[in-house]
Amino acid sequence: MSIFQVQSVLGMTSSCPLTALPHVHFCAARGVDHTQCCRAAGVQQQCLMFCDQSPDTTNQLTLQHLGCLDGFEGMKDCFVEHALTEYYRTKQAALEHFQRIQIN
């Protein structure tokens, strides 16, 4: 989801309802706390709550959080970095497992 799509949802010009945004955000973050990465990416302190998408964390979106759109790209970069790292770790583990099976 791009910043333009988020703005579209917030501006009510999207077919995706505003109520779906927290679910989309949680899914994009893969249910993980990205606070440390977001800090390093320069996300504003008041917006770091959106970087923590742990399953037990709840955040309510309000109009006061519109300023957090400026940090959206940094948040998204952290989410993507984590997803890629997770993917390659899983792929590497599967490859190592396959190699062990072939040796035996």
C-alpha atoms as a PDB file:
ATOM      1  CA  MET A   1       0.000   0.000   0.000  1.00  0.00           C
ATOM      2  CA  SER A   2       1.444   3.351  -0.999  1.00  0.00           C
ATOM      3  CA  ILE A   3       1.098   6.660   0.794  1.00  0.00           C
ATOM      4  CA  PHE A   4      -1.295   7.734  -1.957  1.00  0.00           C
ATOM      5  CA  GLN A   5      -3.528   4.740  -1.263  1.00  0.00           C
ATOM      6  CA  VAL A   6      -3.496   5.523   2.462  1.00  0.00           C
ATOM      7  CA  GLN A   7      -4.387   9.147   1.722  1.00  0.00           C
ATOM      8  CA  SER A   8      -7.158   7.916  -0.559  1.00  0.00           C
ATOM      9  CA  VAL A   9      -8.611   5.775   2.230  1.00  0.00           C
ATOM     10  CA  LEU A  10      -8.335   8.631   4.739  1.00  0.00           C
ATOM     11  CA  GLY A  11      -9.901  11.025   2.253  1.00  0.00           C
ATOM     12  CA  MET A  12     -12.806   8.648   1.711  1.00  0.00           C
ATOM     13  CA  THR A  13     -12.107   8.425  -2.043  1.00  0.00           C
ATOM     14  CA  SER A  14     -11.200   4.740  -1.889  1.00  0.00           C
ATOM     15  CA  SER A  15     -13.426   1.684  -2.037  1.00  0.00           C
ATOM     16  CA  CYS A  16     -11.436   0.345   0.933  1.00  0.00           C
ATOM     17  CA  PRO A  17     -13.204   1.535   4.109  1.00  0.00           C
ATOM     18  CA  LEU A  18     -11.286   3.492   6.738  1.00  0.00           C
ATOM     19  CA  THR A  19     -12.159   0.777   9.256  1.00  0.00           C
ATOM     20  CA  ALA A  20     -10.031  -1.693   7.254  1.00  0.00           C
ATOM     21  CA  LEU A  21      -6.851   0.377   7.581  1.00  0.00           C
ATOM     22  CA  PRO A  22      -5.741  -1.070  10.957  1.00  0.00           C
ATOM     23  CA  HIS A  23      -6.142  -4.611   9.592  1.00  0.00           C
ATOM     24  CA  VAL A  24      -4.166  -3.788   6.456  1.00  0.00           C
ATOM     25  CA  HIS A  25      -1.468  -2.124   8.567  1.00  0.00           C
ATOM     26  CA  PHE A  26      -1.235  -5.127  10.923  1.00  0.00           C
ATOM     27  CA  CYS A  27      -0.937  -7.487   7.971  1.00  0.00           C
ATOM     28  CA  ALA A  28       1.716  -5.344   6.257  1.00  0.00           C
ATOM     29  CA  ALA A  29       3.760  -5.326   9.464  1.00  0.00           C
ATOM     30  CA  ARG A  30       3.333  -9.102   9.766  1.00  0.00           C
ATOM     31  CA  GLY A  31       2.270  -8.701  13.406  1.00  0.00           C
ATOM     32  CA  VAL A  32       5.753  -7.659  14.539  1.00  0.00           C
ATOM     33  CA  ASP A  33       7.195  -4.784  16.582  1.00  0.00           C
ATOM     34  CA  HIS A  34       9.311  -2.678  14.195  1.00  0.00           C
ATOM     35  CA  THR A  35       9.878   0.200  16.648  1.00  0.00           C
ATOM     36  CA  GLN A  36      13.681  -0.043  16.643  1.00  0.00           C
ATOM     37  CA  CYS A  37      13.857  -0.001  12.833  1.00  0.00           C
ATOM     38  CA  CYS A  38      11.329   2.843  12.643  1.00  0.00           C
ATOM     39  CA  ARG A  39      13.380   4.941  15.072  1.00  0.00           C
ATOM     40  CA  ALA A  40      16.458   4.399  12.911  1.00  0.00           C
ATOM     41  CA  ALA A  41      14.393   5.340   9.842  1.00  0.00           C
ATOM     42  CA  GLY A  42      13.464   8.672  11.442  1.00  0.00           C
ATOM     43  CA  VAL A  43       9.800   7.992  12.180  1.00  0.00           C
ATOM     44  CA  GLN A  44       8.465  10.646  14.573  1.00  0.00           C
ATOM     45  CA  GLN A  45       8.151   9.659  18.249  1.00  0.00           C
ATOM     46  CA  GLN A  46       4.352  10.127  18.296  1.00  0.00           C
ATOM     47  CA  CYS A  47       4.059   7.785  15.286  1.00  0.00           C
ATOM     48  CA  LEU A  48       6.172   4.923  16.639  1.00  0.00           C
ATOM     49  CA  MET A  49       3.032   3.299  18.027  1.00  0.00           C
ATOM     50  CA  PHE A  50       2.175   2.329  14.443  1.00  0.00           C
ATOM     51  CA  CYS A  51       5.486   0.492  14.141  1.00  0.00           C
ATOM     52  CA  ASP A  52       4.520  -1.902  16.942  1.00  0.00           C
ATOM     53  CA  GLN A  53       2.005  -4.247  15.393  1.00  0.00           C
ATOM     54  CA  SER A  54       2.417  -7.076  17.899  1.00  0.00           C
ATOM     55  CA  PRO A  55      -0.787  -9.132  18.143  1.00  0.00           C
ATOM     56  CA  ASP A  56      -1.560  -7.864  21.664  1.00  0.00           C
ATOM     57  CA  THR A  57      -1.102  -4.197  20.699  1.00  0.00           C
ATOM     58  CA  THR A  58      -4.065  -2.046  19.740  1.00  0.00           C
ATOM     59  CA  ASN A  59      -3.827   1.421  18.245  1.00  0.00           C
ATOM     60  CA  GLN A  60      -6.718   3.641  17.388  1.00  0.00           C
ATOM     61  CA  LEU A  61      -6.349   5.808  14.307  1.00  0.00           C
ATOM     62  CA  THR A  62      -7.528   9.373  14.746  1.00  0.00           C
ATOM     63  CA  LEU A  63      -7.292  12.507  12.676  1.00  0.00           C
ATOM     64  CA  GLN A  64      -4.434  13.583  14.970  1.00  0.00           C
ATOM     65  CA  HIS A  65      -2.326  10.861  13.371  1.00  0.00           C
ATOM     66  CA  LEU A  66      -2.503  12.377   9.890  1.00  0.00           C
ATOM     67  CA  GLY A  67       0.945  13.839  10.543  1.00  0.00           C
ATOM     68  CA  CYS A  68       2.243  10.265  10.720  1.00  0.00           C
ATOM     69  CA  LEU A  69       1.750   9.934   6.981  1.00  0.00           C
ATOM     70  CA  ASP A  70       5.118  11.692   6.634  1.00  0.00           C
ATOM     71  CA  GLY A  71       6.751   8.670   8.268  1.00  0.00           C
ATOM     72  CA  PHE A  72       4.756   6.104   6.307  1.00  0.00           C
ATOM     73  CA  GLU A  73       7.548   5.331   3.829  1.00  0.00           C
ATOM     74  CA  GLY A  74      10.016   4.725   6.677  1.00  0.00           C
ATOM     75  CA  MET A  75       7.553   2.388   8.368  1.00  0.00           C
ATOM     76  CA  LYS A  76       6.890   0.579   5.107  1.00  0.00           C
ATOM     77  CA  ASP A  77      10.638   0.177   4.491  1.00  0.00           C
ATOM     78  CA  CYS A  78      10.968  -1.489   7.904  1.00  0.00           C
ATOM     79  CA  PHE A  79       8.050  -3.821   7.178  1.00  0.00           C
ATOM     80  CA  VAL A  80       9.517  -4.811   3.801  1.00  0.00           C
ATOM     81  CA  GLU A  81      13.015  -5.287   5.227  1.00  0.00           C
ATOM     82  CA  HIS A  82      11.623  -7.629   7.885  1.00  0.00           C
ATOM     83  CA  ALA A  83       9.535  -9.578   5.359  1.00  0.00           C
ATOM     84  CA  LEU A  84      12.527 -10.067   3.054  1.00  0.00           C
ATOM     85  CA  THR A  85      14.783 -11.111   5.923  1.00  0.00           C
ATOM     86  CA  GLU A  86      12.148 -13.578   7.131  1.00  0.00           C
ATOM     87  CA  TYR A  87      11.732 -14.965   3.603  1.00  0.00           C
ATOM     88  CA  TYR A  88      15.451 -15.492   3.035  1.00  0.00           C
ATOM     89  CA  ARG A  89      15.979 -17.036   6.483  1.00  0.00           C
ATOM     90  CA  THR A  90      13.187 -19.519   5.768  1.00  0.00           C
ATOM     91  CA  LYS A  91      14.578 -20.234   2.314  1.00  0.00           C
ATOM     92  CA  GLN A  92      18.100 -20.750   3.708  1.00  0.00           C
ATOM     93  CA  ALA A  93      16.813 -23.077   6.445  1.00  0.00           C
ATOM     94  CA  ALA A  94      14.908 -25.144   3.866  1.00  0.00           C
ATOM     95  CA  LEU A  95      18.004 -25.359   1.654  1.00  0.00           C
ATOM     96  CA  GLU A  96      20.186 -26.480   4.572  1.00  0.00           C
ATOM     97  CA  HIS A  97      17.574 -29.070   5.556  1.00  0.00           C
ATOM     98  CA  PHE A  98      17.437 -30.379   1.976  1.00  0.00           C
ATOM     99  CA  GLN A  99      21.243 -30.603   1.847  1.00  0.00           C
ATOM    100  CA  ARG A 100      21.334 -32.565   5.135  1.00  0.00           C
ATOM    101  CA  ILE A 101      18.753 -35.009   3.780  1.00  0.00           C
ATOM    102  CA  GLN A 102      20.768 -35.574   0.604  1.00  0.00           C
ATOM    103  CA  ILE A 103      23.973 -36.209   2.563  1.00  0.00           C
ATOM    104  CA  ASN A 104      22.301 -38.913   4.670  1.00  0.00           C
END
